Amino acid sequence: MKNWLIILMGLLTLGGCVSNPDVVRKGDFEFRFEESGVVITGYTSTKKTVVIPRYIWIRSTAHDVVGIADRAFANLGLEQVSFEEIDSSYWRIRIIGEQAFYGNNLVNLTLPSSLILIESKAFANNQLTAVSCNVEVIAEDAYANNPGLTSVPIGQSTRQKLQQEEYARQQPVLQVERQAEQERLADIYRKAGNSFGNLRNTAWSYGANLGGSRHTINERLDFGDGNYILQRTSTEGTRWNPYTGTFRVNGDTVFFLSSEGEYNTGTIIGNALTINDAAWTWNKNGTFHRIQ
């Protein structure tokens, strides 16, 4: 079994030398003192409904509950466990130890958001059907042997890892799709020949946060004889290097080829031009740009 105190010290820097190694009893709870607060180590009542206090009063001083020790509430036939003031932002509890609530009859569970670690088999062998939590690290078997729990909670770190793995898996597929789209646009661009259409210069403005303050960005797309230049300035005087390239027109579609070799498209509707890939400009809304 892991040393619970070492985990608390190593992960949270909440621990330190135990100021009083003796177990203390207050009401229905047994606990020990740590520098950062108290760790509940046991439960002495026969009541099947438990409310975990946010703090324990000792001699007119409130001591934050910072953890629940290994097997503190194991095999007691508990039917309900709740945490006092569950919505309170003042909770300091960080860790629930190994098998802390093992072998009870818990059905529903809502945990404080202050938790960052739920240890191995902490809620195993219960009757859980629903768990609400937002915890950084959850042991894989923390909720083992709860047949009615169809959706097992995972820690934020595990969730982020899974998201990163999924992103990595998708990248080769997305790259193939992007390459295919670029090749398709290149073929249409070549077939358009010297069709430049009758495009007038286009300008638009939008707000953006730059350097912590709100700025108005002005963009202007000037069309020449098969060439374009996209210029960007702010009302505060900032000027960016222009984007340049060539274009072709096929019906109501404009095909752009940037000087960096990237193809993009735009659509003409009436007297408005929409650049289809909004990321190509700084306008993230993809709104229509009025043709001047």
C-alpha atoms as a PDB file:
ATOM      1  CA  MET A   1       0.000   0.000   0.000  1.00  0.00           C
ATOM      2  CA  LYS A   2       1.280   3.452  -0.833  1.00  0.00           C
ATOM      3  CA  ASN A   3       2.262   5.753   1.957  1.00  0.00           C
ATOM      4  CA  TRP A   4      -0.565   8.245   1.859  1.00  0.00           C
ATOM      5  CA  LEU A   5       1.378  10.992   3.606  1.00  0.00           C
ATOM      6  CA  ILE A   6       4.272  10.751   1.129  1.00  0.00           C
ATOM      7  CA  ILE A   7       1.827  11.146  -1.776  1.00  0.00           C
ATOM      8  CA  LEU A   8       0.246  14.164  -0.120  1.00  0.00           C
ATOM      9  CA  MET A   9       3.654  15.789   0.398  1.00  0.00           C
ATOM     10  CA  GLY A  10       5.044  14.936  -3.006  1.00  0.00           C
ATOM     11  CA  LEU A  11       2.077  15.944  -5.135  1.00  0.00           C
ATOM     12  CA  LEU A  12       0.679  18.858  -3.250  1.00  0.00           C
ATOM     13  CA  THR A  13       3.457  20.156  -1.016  1.00  0.00           C
ATOM     14  CA  LEU A  14       0.751  20.237   1.623  1.00  0.00           C
ATOM     15  CA  GLY A  15       2.440  17.878   4.022  1.00  0.00           C
ATOM     16  CA  GLY A  16       5.397  18.196   6.296  1.00  0.00           C
ATOM     17  CA  CYS A  17       6.317  16.876   9.661  1.00  0.00           C
ATOM     18  CA  VAL A  18       3.320  15.492  11.517  1.00  0.00           C
ATOM     19  CA  SER A  19       2.701  17.907  14.354  1.00  0.00           C
ATOM     20  CA  ASN A  20       0.720  15.321  16.334  1.00  0.00           C
ATOM     21  CA  PRO A  21       1.006  11.699  15.201  1.00  0.00           C
ATOM     22  CA  ASP A  22      -1.767  10.541  17.558  1.00  0.00           C
ATOM     23  CA  VAL A  23      -5.251   9.934  16.241  1.00  0.00           C
ATOM     24  CA  VAL A  24      -7.791  12.381  17.657  1.00  0.00           C
ATOM     25  CA  ARG A  25     -11.537  11.798  17.935  1.00  0.00           C
ATOM     26  CA  LYS A  26     -14.130  14.534  17.472  1.00  0.00           C
ATOM     27  CA  GLY A  27     -17.796  13.669  17.132  1.00  0.00           C
ATOM     28  CA  ASP A  28     -18.162  10.776  14.688  1.00  0.00           C
ATOM     29  CA  PHE A  29     -14.695  11.151  13.179  1.00  0.00           C
ATOM     30  CA  GLU A  30     -11.157  10.169  13.951  1.00  0.00           C
ATOM     31  CA  PHE A  31      -8.401  12.203  12.388  1.00  0.00           C
ATOM     32  CA  ARG A  32      -4.765  13.182  12.567  1.00  0.00           C
ATOM     33  CA  PHE A  33      -3.154  16.579  12.229  1.00  0.00           C
ATOM     34  CA  GLU A  34      -0.999  17.650   9.307  1.00  0.00           C
ATOM     35  CA  GLU A  35       0.588  21.064   8.799  1.00  0.00           C
ATOM     36  CA  SER A  36      -2.014  21.891   6.144  1.00  0.00           C
ATOM     37  CA  GLY A  37      -5.054  20.658   8.104  1.00  0.00           C
ATOM     38  CA  VAL A  38      -6.542  17.383   9.262  1.00  0.00           C
ATOM     39  CA  VAL A  39      -6.813  14.005   7.574  1.00  0.00           C
ATOM     40  CA  ILE A  40      -9.866  11.920   8.468  1.00  0.00           C
ATOM     41  CA  THR A  41      -8.680   8.434   9.412  1.00  0.00           C
ATOM     42  CA  GLY A  42     -11.831   6.758  10.715  1.00  0.00           C
ATOM     43  CA  TYR A  43     -15.569   6.835  11.436  1.00  0.00           C
ATOM     44  CA  THR A  44     -16.984   5.682  14.760  1.00  0.00           C
ATOM     45  CA  SER A  45     -20.735   6.041  14.272  1.00  0.00           C
ATOM     46  CA  THR A  46     -23.143   3.320  13.141  1.00  0.00           C
ATOM     47  CA  LYS A  47     -25.156   5.807  11.045  1.00  0.00           C
ATOM     48  CA  LYS A  48     -25.295   4.847   7.371  1.00  0.00           C
ATOM     49  CA  THR A  49     -25.440   8.430   6.116  1.00  0.00           C
ATOM     50  CA  VAL A  50     -22.247  10.453   6.420  1.00  0.00           C
ATOM     51  CA  VAL A  51     -21.616  14.131   5.801  1.00  0.00           C
ATOM     52  CA  ILE A  52     -17.907  14.865   5.452  1.00  0.00           C
ATOM     53  CA  PRO A  53     -17.264  18.209   7.168  1.00  0.00           C
ATOM     54  CA  ARG A  54     -15.306  20.936   5.405  1.00  0.00           C
ATOM     55  CA  TYR A  55     -13.421  21.619   8.626  1.00  0.00           C
ATOM     56  CA  ILE A  56     -13.250  20.324  12.187  1.00  0.00           C
ATOM     57  CA  TRP A  57     -13.383  22.640  15.168  1.00  0.00           C
ATOM     58  CA  ILE A  58     -10.787  22.120  17.881  1.00  0.00           C
ATOM     59  CA  ARG A  59     -10.625  24.620  20.758  1.00  0.00           C
ATOM     60  CA  SER A  60     -12.443  27.336  18.781  1.00  0.00           C
ATOM     61  CA  THR A  61     -10.145  26.855  15.774  1.00  0.00           C
ATOM     62  CA  ALA A  62     -11.390  25.526  12.433  1.00  0.00           C
ATOM     63  CA  HIS A  63      -8.995  22.992  10.876  1.00  0.00           C
ATOM     64  CA  ASP A  64      -9.530  22.307   7.166  1.00  0.00           C
ATOM     65  CA  VAL A  65     -10.134  18.718   6.133  1.00  0.00           C
ATOM     66  CA  VAL A  66      -7.384  18.142   3.538  1.00  0.00           C
ATOM     67  CA  GLY A  67      -7.692  14.414   2.963  1.00  0.00           C
ATOM     68  CA  ILE A  68      -9.322  11.093   3.734  1.00  0.00           C
ATOM     69  CA  ALA A  69      -6.878   8.358   4.706  1.00  0.00           C
ATOM     70  CA  ASP A  70      -6.648   4.801   3.360  1.00  0.00           C
ATOM     71  CA  ARG A  71      -9.647   2.638   4.402  1.00  0.00           C
ATOM     72  CA  ALA A  72     -11.051   5.411   6.607  1.00  0.00           C
ATOM     73  CA  PHE A  73     -14.663   4.457   5.741  1.00  0.00           C
ATOM     74  CA  ALA A  74     -14.155   0.946   4.349  1.00  0.00           C
ATOM     75  CA  ASN A  75     -16.698  -1.854   4.884  1.00  0.00           C
ATOM     76  CA  LEU A  76     -19.084   0.131   7.106  1.00  0.00           C
ATOM     77  CA  GLY A  77     -22.288  -0.481   5.156  1.00  0.00           C
ATOM     78  CA  LEU A  78     -22.616   3.213   4.298  1.00  0.00           C
ATOM     79  CA  GLU A  79     -25.554   4.121   2.063  1.00  0.00           C
ATOM     80  CA  GLN A  80     -24.880   7.783   1.437  1.00  0.00           C
ATOM     81  CA  VAL A  81     -21.799  10.020   1.606  1.00  0.00           C
ATOM     82  CA  SER A  82     -21.968  13.726   0.963  1.00  0.00           C
ATOM     83  CA  PHE A  83     -19.613  16.635   1.417  1.00  0.00           C
ATOM     84  CA  GLU A  84     -20.673  19.657   3.443  1.00  0.00           C
ATOM     85  CA  GLU A  85     -21.182  22.769   1.313  1.00  0.00           C
ATOM     86  CA  ILE A  86     -20.379  20.920  -1.897  1.00  0.00           C
ATOM     87  CA  ASP A  87     -20.542  24.138  -3.945  1.00  0.00           C
ATOM     88  CA  SER A  88     -18.201  26.002  -1.631  1.00  0.00           C
ATOM     89  CA  SER A  89     -14.958  27.275  -3.173  1.00  0.00           C
ATOM     90  CA  TYR A  90     -13.358  27.060   0.247  1.00  0.00           C
ATOM     91  CA  TRP A  91     -12.908  23.291   0.269  1.00  0.00           C
ATOM     92  CA  ARG A  92      -9.283  22.264   0.882  1.00  0.00           C
ATOM     93  CA  ILE A  93      -9.612  18.488   0.561  1.00  0.00           C
ATOM     94  CA  ARG A  94      -7.084  17.232  -1.976  1.00  0.00           C
ATOM     95  CA  ILE A  95      -6.794  13.443  -1.722  1.00  0.00           C
ATOM     96  CA  ILE A  96      -9.036  10.451  -1.083  1.00  0.00           C
ATOM     97  CA  GLY A  97      -6.821   7.512  -0.119  1.00  0.00           C
ATOM     98  CA  GLU A  98      -6.757   3.880  -1.186  1.00  0.00           C
ATOM     99  CA  GLN A  99      -9.956   1.948  -0.432  1.00  0.00           C
ATOM    100  CA  ALA A 100     -11.200   4.925   1.574  1.00  0.00           C
ATOM    101  CA  PHE A 101     -14.873   4.045   0.898  1.00  0.00           C
ATOM    102  CA  TYR A 102     -14.340   0.458  -0.210  1.00  0.00           C
ATOM    103  CA  GLY A 103     -17.102  -2.108   0.260  1.00  0.00           C
ATOM    104  CA  ASN A 104     -20.123   0.057   1.099  1.00  0.00           C
ATOM    105  CA  ASN A 105     -23.559   0.541  -0.487  1.00  0.00           C
ATOM    106  CA  LEU A 106     -23.117   3.983  -2.026  1.00  0.00           C
ATOM    107  CA  VAL A 107     -25.366   4.749  -5.016  1.00  0.00           C
ATOM    108  CA  ASN A 108     -24.775   8.396  -5.943  1.00  0.00           C
ATOM    109  CA  LEU A 109     -21.706  10.521  -5.351  1.00  0.00           C
ATOM    110  CA  THR A 110     -20.802  14.172  -5.799  1.00  0.00           C
ATOM    111  CA  LEU A 111     -17.227  15.184  -4.979  1.00  0.00           C
ATOM    112  CA  PRO A 112     -15.713  18.619  -4.267  1.00  0.00           C
ATOM    113  CA  SER A 113     -13.846  20.298  -7.093  1.00  0.00           C
ATOM    114  CA  SER A 114     -10.823  20.848  -4.850  1.00  0.00           C
ATOM    115  CA  LEU A 115      -9.869  17.161  -5.138  1.00  0.00           C
ATOM    116  CA  ILE A 116      -6.825  16.397  -7.273  1.00  0.00           C
ATOM    117  CA  LEU A 117      -6.252  12.708  -6.542  1.00  0.00           C
ATOM    118  CA  ILE A 118      -8.498   9.682  -5.966  1.00  0.00           C
ATOM    119  CA  GLU A 119      -6.434   6.628  -5.038  1.00  0.00           C
ATOM    120  CA  SER A 120      -6.771   2.966  -6.010  1.00  0.00           C
ATOM    121  CA  LYS A 121     -10.133   1.312  -5.195  1.00  0.00           C
ATOM    122  CA  ALA A 122     -11.231   4.377  -3.226  1.00  0.00           C
ATOM    123  CA  PHE A 123     -14.915   3.715  -4.124  1.00  0.00           C
ATOM    124  CA  ALA A 124     -14.642   0.106  -5.281  1.00  0.00           C
ATOM    125  CA  ASN A 125     -17.246  -2.535  -4.397  1.00  0.00           C
ATOM    126  CA  ASN A 126     -20.205  -0.192  -3.953  1.00  0.00           C
ATOM    127  CA  GLN A 127     -23.521   0.178  -5.785  1.00  0.00           C
ATOM    128  CA  LEU A 128     -22.681   3.386  -7.618  1.00  0.00           C
ATOM    129  CA  THR A 129     -24.776   4.382 -10.618  1.00  0.00           C
ATOM    130  CA  ALA A 130     -23.752   8.051 -10.920  1.00  0.00           C
ATOM    131  CA  VAL A 131     -20.627  10.008  -9.992  1.00  0.00           C
ATOM    132  CA  SER A 132     -20.060  13.743 -10.394  1.00  0.00           C
ATOM    133  CA  CYS A 133     -16.464  14.875 -10.089  1.00  0.00           C
ATOM    134  CA  ASN A 134     -13.798  17.038 -11.687  1.00  0.00           C
ATOM    135  CA  VAL A 135     -10.526  15.582 -10.457  1.00  0.00           C
ATOM    136  CA  GLU A 136      -7.002  15.853 -11.873  1.00  0.00           C
ATOM    137  CA  VAL A 137      -5.881  12.248 -11.307  1.00  0.00           C
ATOM    138  CA  ILE A 138      -8.140   9.219 -10.749  1.00  0.00           C
ATOM    139  CA  ALA A 139      -6.742   5.711 -10.343  1.00  0.00           C
ATOM    140  CA  GLU A 140      -7.995   3.339 -13.053  1.00  0.00           C
ATOM    141  CA  ASP A 141      -9.608   1.049 -10.466  1.00  0.00           C
ATOM    142  CA  ALA A 142     -10.925   3.809  -8.191  1.00  0.00           C
ATOM    143  CA  TYR A 143     -14.544   2.800  -9.037  1.00  0.00           C
ATOM    144  CA  ALA A 144     -13.981  -0.911  -9.655  1.00  0.00           C
ATOM    145  CA  ASN A 145     -16.840  -3.387  -9.141  1.00  0.00           C
ATOM    146  CA  ASN A 146     -19.738  -0.962  -9.408  1.00  0.00           C
ATOM    147  CA  PRO A 147     -21.885  -2.825 -11.968  1.00  0.00           C
ATOM    148  CA  GLY A 148     -24.445  -0.036 -12.327  1.00  0.00           C
ATOM    149  CA  LEU A 149     -21.851   2.605 -13.130  1.00  0.00           C
ATOM    150  CA  THR A 150     -21.998   2.661 -16.922  1.00  0.00           C
ATOM    151  CA  SER A 151     -19.871   5.787 -17.331  1.00  0.00           C
ATOM    152  CA  VAL A 152     -16.690   5.633 -15.278  1.00  0.00           C
ATOM    153  CA  PRO A 153     -15.192   9.052 -14.476  1.00  0.00           C
ATOM    154  CA  ILE A 154     -11.639   9.702 -15.638  1.00  0.00           C
ATOM    155  CA  GLY A 155      -9.214  12.324 -14.372  1.00  0.00           C
ATOM    156  CA  GLN A 156      -8.484  15.541 -16.215  1.00  0.00           C
ATOM    157  CA  SER A 157      -4.911  14.431 -16.891  1.00  0.00           C
ATOM    158  CA  THR A 158      -6.190  11.152 -18.367  1.00  0.00           C
ATOM    159  CA  ARG A 159      -8.810  13.034 -20.397  1.00  0.00           C
ATOM    160  CA  GLN A 160      -6.158  15.388 -21.783  1.00  0.00           C
ATOM    161  CA  LYS A 161      -3.925  12.440 -22.645  1.00  0.00           C
ATOM    162  CA  LEU A 162      -6.775  10.722 -24.502  1.00  0.00           C
ATOM    163  CA  GLN A 163      -7.568  13.937 -26.367  1.00  0.00           C
ATOM    164  CA  GLN A 164      -3.929  14.305 -27.371  1.00  0.00           C
ATOM    165  CA  GLU A 165      -3.812  10.696 -28.551  1.00  0.00           C
ATOM    166  CA  GLU A 166      -7.007  11.173 -30.562  1.00  0.00           C
ATOM    167  CA  TYR A 167      -5.611  14.391 -32.069  1.00  0.00           C
ATOM    168  CA  ALA A 168      -2.414  12.549 -33.034  1.00  0.00           C
ATOM    169  CA  ARG A 169      -4.449   9.746 -34.634  1.00  0.00           C
ATOM    170  CA  GLN A 170      -6.478  12.217 -36.670  1.00  0.00           C
ATOM    171  CA  GLN A 171      -3.521  14.191 -37.999  1.00  0.00           C
ATOM    172  CA  PRO A 172      -2.483  11.729 -40.748  1.00  0.00           C
ATOM    173  CA  VAL A 173      -6.088  11.542 -41.977  1.00  0.00           C
ATOM    174  CA  LEU A 174      -6.518  15.314 -41.867  1.00  0.00           C
ATOM    175  CA  GLN A 175      -3.206  15.782 -43.648  1.00  0.00           C
ATOM    176  CA  VAL A 176      -4.285  13.438 -46.440  1.00  0.00           C
ATOM    177  CA  GLU A 177      -7.630  15.248 -46.745  1.00  0.00           C
ATOM    178  CA  ARG A 178      -5.938  18.644 -46.807  1.00  0.00           C
ATOM    179  CA  GLN A 179      -3.441  17.504 -49.418  1.00  0.00           C
ATOM    180  CA  ALA A 180      -6.256  16.149 -51.587  1.00  0.00           C
ATOM    181  CA  GLU A 181      -8.166  19.441 -51.302  1.00  0.00           C
ATOM    182  CA  GLN A 182      -5.058  21.449 -52.191  1.00  0.00           C
ATOM    183  CA  GLU A 183      -4.514  19.251 -55.267  1.00  0.00           C
ATOM    184  CA  ARG A 184      -8.148  19.698 -56.307  1.00  0.00           C
ATOM    185  CA  LEU A 185      -7.902  23.478 -56.016  1.00  0.00           C
ATOM    186  CA  ALA A 186      -4.597  23.512 -57.872  1.00  0.00           C
ATOM    187  CA  ASP A 187      -6.183  21.626 -60.782  1.00  0.00           C
ATOM    188  CA  ILE A 188      -9.105  24.079 -60.997  1.00  0.00           C
ATOM    189  CA  TYR A 189      -6.695  27.003 -60.706  1.00  0.00           C
ATOM    190  CA  ARG A 190      -4.648  25.762 -63.658  1.00  0.00           C
ATOM    191  CA  LYS A 191      -7.742  25.137 -65.794  1.00  0.00           C
ATOM    192  CA  ALA A 192      -9.011  28.674 -65.121  1.00  0.00           C
ATOM    193  CA  GLY A 193      -6.128  30.024 -67.215  1.00  0.00           C
ATOM    194  CA  ASN A 194      -6.053  33.822 -67.308  1.00  0.00           C
ATOM    195  CA  SER A 195      -9.630  34.380 -66.187  1.00  0.00           C
ATOM    196  CA  PHE A 196      -9.325  37.323 -63.788  1.00  0.00           C
ATOM    197  CA  GLY A 197     -12.954  38.409 -63.776  1.00  0.00           C
ATOM    198  CA  ASN A 198     -14.023  41.909 -62.817  1.00  0.00           C
ATOM    199  CA  LEU A 199     -13.132  42.132 -59.141  1.00  0.00           C
ATOM    200  CA  ARG A 200     -13.049  45.423 -57.340  1.00  0.00           C
ATOM    201  CA  ASN A 201     -10.950  46.062 -54.272  1.00  0.00           C
ATOM    202  CA  THR A 202     -12.458  44.794 -51.054  1.00  0.00           C
ATOM    203  CA  ALA A 203     -12.099  46.087 -47.488  1.00  0.00           C
ATOM    204  CA  TRP A 204     -13.460  45.130 -44.082  1.00  0.00           C
ATOM    205  CA  SER A 205     -12.910  45.857 -40.396  1.00  0.00           C
ATOM    206  CA  TYR A 206     -13.310  43.920 -37.152  1.00  0.00           C
ATOM    207  CA  GLY A 207     -12.291  44.091 -33.496  1.00  0.00           C
ATOM    208  CA  ALA A 208      -9.466  42.024 -31.984  1.00  0.00           C
ATOM    209  CA  ASN A 209      -7.610  41.820 -28.676  1.00  0.00           C
ATOM    210  CA  LEU A 210      -3.946  42.689 -29.132  1.00  0.00           C
ATOM    211  CA  GLY A 211      -1.533  43.043 -26.245  1.00  0.00           C
ATOM    212  CA  GLY A 212      -4.359  42.976 -23.724  1.00  0.00           C
ATOM    213  CA  SER A 213      -6.356  45.823 -25.298  1.00  0.00           C
ATOM    214  CA  ARG A 214      -9.092  46.030 -27.904  1.00  0.00           C
ATOM    215  CA  HIS A 215      -8.091  47.180 -31.388  1.00  0.00           C
ATOM    216  CA  THR A 216      -9.926  47.744 -34.641  1.00  0.00           C
ATOM    217  CA  ILE A 217      -8.262  45.867 -37.496  1.00  0.00           C
ATOM    218  CA  ASN A 218      -8.669  47.080 -41.068  1.00  0.00           C
ATOM    219  CA  GLU A 219      -7.979  44.656 -43.900  1.00  0.00           C
ATOM    220  CA  ARG A 220      -7.906  45.520 -47.587  1.00  0.00           C
ATOM    221  CA  LEU A 221      -7.694  43.110 -50.505  1.00  0.00           C
ATOM    222  CA  ASP A 222      -6.541  44.831 -53.700  1.00  0.00           C
ATOM    223  CA  PHE A 223      -6.846  43.017 -57.020  1.00  0.00           C
ATOM    224  CA  GLY A 224      -4.503  43.660 -59.928  1.00  0.00           C
ATOM    225  CA  ASP A 225      -4.019  41.889 -63.250  1.00  0.00           C
ATOM    226  CA  GLY A 226      -4.140  38.362 -61.834  1.00  0.00           C
ATOM    227  CA  ASN A 227      -2.356  39.393 -58.642  1.00  0.00           C
ATOM    228  CA  TYR A 228      -3.618  40.383 -55.209  1.00  0.00           C
ATOM    229  CA  ILE A 229      -2.226  42.017 -52.117  1.00  0.00           C
ATOM    230  CA  LEU A 230      -3.816  41.703 -48.688  1.00  0.00           C
ATOM    231  CA  GLN A 231      -2.868  44.525 -46.343  1.00  0.00           C
ATOM    232  CA  ARG A 232      -3.647  44.730 -42.637  1.00  0.00           C
ATOM    233  CA  THR A 233      -3.455  47.760 -40.347  1.00  0.00           C
ATOM    234  CA  SER A 234      -4.949  48.811 -37.031  1.00  0.00           C
ATOM    235  CA  THR A 235      -6.548  52.118 -36.144  1.00  0.00           C
ATOM    236  CA  GLU A 236      -3.782  52.499 -33.536  1.00  0.00           C
ATOM    237  CA  GLY A 237      -1.137  52.595 -36.268  1.00  0.00           C
ATOM    238  CA  THR A 238       0.117  49.020 -36.339  1.00  0.00           C
ATOM    239  CA  ARG A 239       0.964  47.771 -39.834  1.00  0.00           C
ATOM    240  CA  TRP A 240       1.697  44.164 -40.768  1.00  0.00           C
ATOM    241  CA  ASN A 241       3.654  42.805 -43.703  1.00  0.00           C
ATOM    242  CA  PRO A 242       1.318  42.325 -46.651  1.00  0.00           C
ATOM    243  CA  TYR A 243       0.196  38.955 -47.999  1.00  0.00           C
ATOM    244  CA  THR A 244       0.595  38.545 -51.735  1.00  0.00           C
ATOM    245  CA  GLY A 245      -0.290  36.014 -54.397  1.00  0.00           C
ATOM    246  CA  THR A 246      -2.245  35.398 -57.570  1.00  0.00           C
ATOM    247  CA  PHE A 247      -5.902  34.647 -58.256  1.00  0.00           C
ATOM    248  CA  ARG A 248      -8.209  33.208 -60.874  1.00  0.00           C
ATOM    249  CA  VAL A 249     -11.980  33.446 -61.285  1.00  0.00           C
ATOM    250  CA  ASN A 250     -14.295  30.601 -62.240  1.00  0.00           C
ATOM    251  CA  GLY A 251     -17.927  31.684 -62.259  1.00  0.00           C
ATOM    252  CA  ASP A 252     -18.743  33.051 -58.815  1.00  0.00           C
ATOM    253  CA  THR A 253     -15.679  31.472 -57.207  1.00  0.00           C
ATOM    254  CA  VAL A 254     -12.317  33.162 -56.719  1.00  0.00           C
ATOM    255  CA  PHE A 255      -9.276  30.881 -56.383  1.00  0.00           C
ATOM    256  CA  PHE A 256      -6.329  32.315 -54.498  1.00  0.00           C
ATOM    257  CA  LEU A 257      -2.728  31.066 -54.601  1.00  0.00           C
ATOM    258  CA  SER A 258      -0.596  32.691 -51.916  1.00  0.00           C
ATOM    259  CA  SER A 259       3.097  33.372 -52.334  1.00  0.00           C
ATOM    260  CA  GLU A 260       3.614  30.611 -49.716  1.00  0.00           C
ATOM    261  CA  GLY A 261       1.971  28.084 -52.066  1.00  0.00           C
ATOM    262  CA  GLU A 262      -1.362  27.732 -50.239  1.00  0.00           C
ATOM    263  CA  TYR A 263      -4.623  27.579 -52.204  1.00  0.00           C
ATOM    264  CA  ASN A 264      -7.840  29.119 -50.906  1.00  0.00           C
ATOM    265  CA  THR A 265     -11.228  30.084 -52.289  1.00  0.00           C
ATOM    266  CA  GLY A 266     -13.739  32.871 -52.030  1.00  0.00           C
ATOM    267  CA  THR A 267     -17.324  33.255 -53.164  1.00  0.00           C
ATOM    268  CA  ILE A 268     -18.920  36.264 -54.856  1.00  0.00           C
ATOM    269  CA  ILE A 269     -22.562  36.892 -53.977  1.00  0.00           C
ATOM    270  CA  GLY A 270     -23.973  40.138 -55.328  1.00  0.00           C
ATOM    271  CA  ASN A 271     -21.593  42.899 -54.275  1.00  0.00           C
ATOM    272  CA  ALA A 272     -20.026  40.889 -51.445  1.00  0.00           C
ATOM    273  CA  LEU A 273     -17.023  38.574 -51.253  1.00  0.00           C
ATOM    274  CA  THR A 274     -16.681  35.805 -48.671  1.00  0.00           C
ATOM    275  CA  ILE A 275     -13.290  34.204 -48.142  1.00  0.00           C
ATOM    276  CA  ASN A 276     -14.196  30.631 -47.342  1.00  0.00           C
ATOM    277  CA  ASP A 277     -11.270  29.827 -45.050  1.00  0.00           C
ATOM    278  CA  ALA A 278     -11.692  32.452 -42.338  1.00  0.00           C
ATOM    279  CA  ALA A 279      -8.336  31.475 -40.807  1.00  0.00           C
ATOM    280  CA  TRP A 280      -6.680  32.786 -43.975  1.00  0.00           C
ATOM    281  CA  THR A 281      -7.475  36.258 -42.712  1.00  0.00           C
ATOM    282  CA  TRP A 282      -7.908  37.430 -39.156  1.00  0.00           C
ATOM    283  CA  ASN A 283     -11.641  37.611 -39.482  1.00  0.00           C
ATOM    284  CA  LYS A 284     -12.706  34.539 -37.502  1.00  0.00           C
ATOM    285  CA  ASN A 285     -16.422  35.001 -38.189  1.00  0.00           C
ATOM    286  CA  GLY A 286     -16.254  34.328 -41.918  1.00  0.00           C
ATOM    287  CA  THR A 287     -18.591  37.264 -42.506  1.00  0.00           C
ATOM    288  CA  PHE A 288     -19.207  38.873 -45.872  1.00  0.00           C
ATOM    289  CA  HIS A 289     -16.730  41.493 -46.987  1.00  0.00           C
ATOM    290  CA  ARG A 290     -18.324  44.354 -48.861  1.00  0.00           C
ATOM    291  CA  ILE A 291     -16.858  45.038 -52.282  1.00  0.00           C
ATOM    292  CA  GLN A 292     -16.034  48.703 -52.681  1.00  0.00           C
END
